[in-house]
C-alpha atoms as a PDB file:
ATOM      1  CA  MET A   1       2.540  -7.933  13.217  1.00  0.00           C
ATOM      2  CA  GLN A   2       4.727  -6.197  10.704  1.00  0.00           C
ATOM      3  CA  ASP A   3       6.319  -9.378   9.632  1.00  0.00           C
ATOM      4  CA  ASP A   4       3.253 -11.326  10.098  1.00  0.00           C
ATOM      5  CA  LEU A   5       1.364  -8.650   7.312  1.00  0.00           C
ATOM      6  CA  ALA A   6       4.456  -9.196   5.273  1.00  0.00           C
ATOM      7  CA  GLN A   7       4.034 -12.893   4.956  1.00  0.00           C
ATOM      8  CA  LYS A   8       0.610 -12.978   4.272  1.00  0.00           C
ATOM      9  CA  LYS A   9      -1.111 -12.904   0.784  1.00  0.00           C
ATOM     10  CA  CYS A  10      -3.803 -10.432  -0.186  1.00  0.00           C
ATOM     11  CA  ILE A  11      -6.947 -12.497  -0.985  1.00  0.00           C
ATOM     12  CA  PRO A  12      -9.413 -11.573  -3.582  1.00  0.00           C
ATOM     13  CA  CYS A  13     -12.089  -9.419  -2.487  1.00  0.00           C
ATOM     14  CA  GLU A  14     -15.023  -9.431  -4.558  1.00  0.00           C
ATOM     15  CA  GLY A  15     -17.126  -6.763  -2.920  1.00  0.00           C
ATOM     16  CA  THR A  16     -18.659  -8.707  -0.705  1.00  0.00           C
ATOM     17  CA  THR A  17     -16.295  -8.097   2.377  1.00  0.00           C
ATOM     18  CA  PRO A  18     -17.154  -5.200   4.382  1.00  0.00           C
ATOM     19  CA  PRO A  19     -14.813  -2.616   5.005  1.00  0.00           C
ATOM     20  CA  LEU A  20     -12.559  -2.483   8.279  1.00  0.00           C
ATOM     21  CA  VAL A  21     -14.124  -0.569  10.826  1.00  0.00           C
ATOM     22  CA  HIS A  22     -11.767   2.372  12.391  1.00  0.00           C
ATOM     23  CA  SER A  23     -10.424   0.612  14.740  1.00  0.00           C
ATOM     24  CA  GLU A  24      -9.204  -2.304  12.568  1.00  0.00           C
ATOM     25  CA  SER A  25      -7.775   0.198  10.358  1.00  0.00           C
ATOM     26  CA  ASN A  26      -6.100   1.660  13.046  1.00  0.00           C
ATOM     27  CA  GLU A  27      -4.575  -1.167  14.287  1.00  0.00           C
ATOM     28  CA  LEU A  28      -3.275  -2.510  11.252  1.00  0.00           C
ATOM     29  CA  LEU A  29      -1.817   1.402  10.386  1.00  0.00           C
ATOM     30  CA  SER A  30       0.209   0.863  13.727  1.00  0.00           C
ATOM     31  CA  HIS A  31       2.193  -1.804  11.903  1.00  0.00           C
ATOM     32  CA  VAL A  32       3.058   0.162   8.954  1.00  0.00           C
ATOM     33  CA  ASN A  33       5.680   2.357   8.151  1.00  0.00           C
ATOM     34  CA  GLN A  34       4.826   6.217   7.889  1.00  0.00           C
ATOM     35  CA  TRP A  35       1.903   5.461   6.144  1.00  0.00           C
ATOM     36  CA  ARG A  36      -1.232   8.076   6.718  1.00  0.00           C
ATOM     37  CA  MET A  37      -4.945   7.100   6.580  1.00  0.00           C
ATOM     38  CA  MET A  38      -7.348   9.163   5.376  1.00  0.00           C
ATOM     39  CA  GLU A  39     -11.389   9.232   6.078  1.00  0.00           C
ATOM     40  CA  ASN A  40     -10.659   5.444   7.048  1.00  0.00           C
ATOM     41  CA  ARG A  41     -11.153   4.677   3.573  1.00  0.00           C
ATOM     42  CA  TYR A  42      -7.965   4.369   2.219  1.00  0.00           C
ATOM     43  CA  ILE A  43      -3.907   4.959   3.354  1.00  0.00           C
ATOM     44  CA  GLU A  44      -1.409   7.012   1.238  1.00  0.00           C
ATOM     45  CA  LYS A  45       2.739   7.493   1.815  1.00  0.00           C
ATOM     46  CA  THR A  46       4.791   9.899  -0.287  1.00  0.00           C
ATOM     47  CA  ILE A  47       8.079   8.745  -1.334  1.00  0.00           C
ATOM     48  CA  HIS A  48      11.238  10.932  -2.072  1.00  0.00           C
ATOM     49  CA  MET A  49      13.132   9.534  -4.365  1.00  0.00           C
ATOM     50  CA  LYS A  50      17.077  10.676  -5.818  1.00  0.00           C
ATOM     51  CA  ASN A  51      16.108  11.389  -9.322  1.00  0.00           C
ATOM     52  CA  PHE A  52      13.155  10.766 -11.934  1.00  0.00           C
ATOM     53  CA  ALA A  53      14.965   7.065 -12.870  1.00  0.00           C
ATOM     54  CA  GLU A  54      15.038   5.895  -9.304  1.00  0.00           C
ATOM     55  CA  ALA A  55      11.267   7.414  -9.179  1.00  0.00           C
ATOM     56  CA  ILE A  56       9.918   4.760 -12.110  1.00  0.00           C
ATOM     57  CA  GLU A  57      12.440   1.906 -11.127  1.00  0.00           C
ATOM     58  CA  PHE A  58      10.244   2.268  -7.830  1.00  0.00           C
ATOM     59  CA  VAL A  59       7.023   2.162  -9.280  1.00  0.00           C
ATOM     60  CA  ASN A  60       8.344  -0.917 -11.444  1.00  0.00           C
ATOM     61  CA  ASP A  61       9.212  -2.945  -8.691  1.00  0.00           C
ATOM     62  CA  VAL A  62       5.719  -2.178  -6.679  1.00  0.00           C
ATOM     63  CA  ALA A  63       3.759  -2.941  -9.763  1.00  0.00           C
ATOM     64  CA  LYS A  64       5.625  -6.594  -9.778  1.00  0.00           C
ATOM     65  CA  ILE A  65       4.613  -6.515  -6.235  1.00  0.00           C
ATOM     66  CA  ALA A  66       0.798  -5.487  -6.642  1.00  0.00           C
ATOM     67  CA  GLU A  67       0.624  -8.218 -10.115  1.00  0.00           C
ATOM     68  CA  LYS A  68       1.731 -10.863  -7.635  1.00  0.00           C
ATOM     69  CA  GLU A  69      -0.398 -10.022  -4.972  1.00  0.00           C
ATOM     70  CA  GLY A  70      -3.678  -9.360  -7.348  1.00  0.00           C
ATOM     71  CA  HIS A  71      -4.258  -5.842  -5.610  1.00  0.00           C
ATOM     72  CA  HIS A  72      -3.320  -2.670  -6.925  1.00  0.00           C
ATOM     73  CA  PRO A  73      -2.235   0.694  -5.687  1.00  0.00           C
ATOM     74  CA  ASP A  74      -2.621   4.095  -7.413  1.00  0.00           C
ATOM     75  CA  MET A  75       0.503   5.531  -8.129  1.00  0.00           C
ATOM     76  CA  CYS A  76       1.396   9.426  -8.976  1.00  0.00           C
ATOM     77  CA  VAL A  77       4.906  10.146  -9.771  1.00  0.00           C
ATOM     78  CA  PHE A  78       5.476  14.064  -9.328  1.00  0.00           C
ATOM     79  CA  ASP A  79       7.884  16.814  -9.132  1.00  0.00           C
ATOM     80  CA  TYR A  80      10.332  14.475 -10.823  1.00  0.00           C
ATOM     81  CA  ASN A  81      11.647  12.407  -7.775  1.00  0.00           C
ATOM     82  CA  LYS A  82       8.381  12.132  -5.672  1.00  0.00           C
ATOM     83  CA  VAL A  83       5.799   8.903  -5.599  1.00  0.00           C
ATOM     84  CA  LYS A  84       2.482   8.976  -3.877  1.00  0.00           C
ATOM     85  CA  ILE A  85       1.094   5.431  -3.331  1.00  0.00           C
ATOM     86  CA  THR A  86      -2.636   5.167  -2.082  1.00  0.00           C
ATOM     87  CA  LEU A  87      -4.280   1.891  -1.130  1.00  0.00           C
ATOM     88  CA  SER A  88      -7.561   1.182  -1.066  1.00  0.00           C
ATOM     89  CA  THR A  89      -9.376  -2.063  -1.844  1.00  0.00           C
ATOM     90  CA  HIS A  90     -11.595  -0.428  -4.708  1.00  0.00           C
ATOM     91  CA  ALA A  91     -14.523  -3.113  -4.473  1.00  0.00           C
ATOM     92  CA  ILE A  92     -15.455  -2.281  -1.462  1.00  0.00           C
ATOM     93  CA  LYS A  93     -14.859   1.442  -1.409  1.00  0.00           C
ATOM     94  CA  GLY A  94     -12.447   0.973   1.728  1.00  0.00           C
ATOM     95  CA  LEU A  95     -10.077  -0.305   3.200  1.00  0.00           C
ATOM     96  CA  SER A  96      -9.035  -4.283   3.842  1.00  0.00           C
ATOM     97  CA  GLU A  97      -6.191  -6.544   5.584  1.00  0.00           C
ATOM     98  CA  ASN A  98      -4.963  -6.046   1.777  1.00  0.00           C
ATOM     99  CA  ASP A  99      -4.039  -2.657   1.822  1.00  0.00           C
ATOM    100  CA  PHE A 100      -1.782  -3.139   4.867  1.00  0.00           C
ATOM    101  CA  ILE A 101      -0.272  -6.322   3.459  1.00  0.00           C
ATOM    102  CA  LEU A 102       0.755  -4.295   0.556  1.00  0.00           C
ATOM    103  CA  ALA A 103       1.718  -1.695   2.266  1.00  0.00           C
ATOM    104  CA  THR A 104       3.911  -3.605   4.240  1.00  0.00           C
ATOM    105  CA  LYS A 105       5.557  -5.337   1.299  1.00  0.00           C
ATOM    106  CA  ILE A 106       6.216  -1.708  -0.158  1.00  0.00           C
ATOM    107  CA  ASP A 107       7.712  -0.799   2.613  1.00  0.00           C
ATOM    108  CA  GLU A 108      10.496  -3.680   2.519  1.00  0.00           C
ATOM    109  CA  VAL A 109      11.283  -2.781  -1.036  1.00  0.00           C
ATOM    110  CA  LEU A 110      11.743   0.484   0.407  1.00  0.00           C
ATOM    111  CA  ARG A 111      14.303  -0.880   2.976  1.00  0.00           C
ATOM    112  CA  ASP A 112      16.125  -2.908   0.549  1.00  0.00           C
ATOM    113  CA  GLN A 113      17.132  -0.026  -1.640  1.00  0.00           C
END
């Protein structure tokens, strides 16, 4: 399923699609690597990088993917080498399959580093 998610493209969401129900989110969560689901509204992950430059490079790599997919995470660099990524579909104030697609693609970036 993780490979299936990585092959998909994010579909624009204009707020007409309802958020995933908890069982759907939980199923998709089982196919991404070490993301945590919070209140069935968003998923998040904190990555520890080697240094500040590597953290910023990673943020830029994620930004390229997010722009290509048209689905944008919230990201925060803190403690100089940690990056916290939060994924949610803002238009529906909850989770959609797009969040898990993007999580899978972010995990691929981490594997390639």
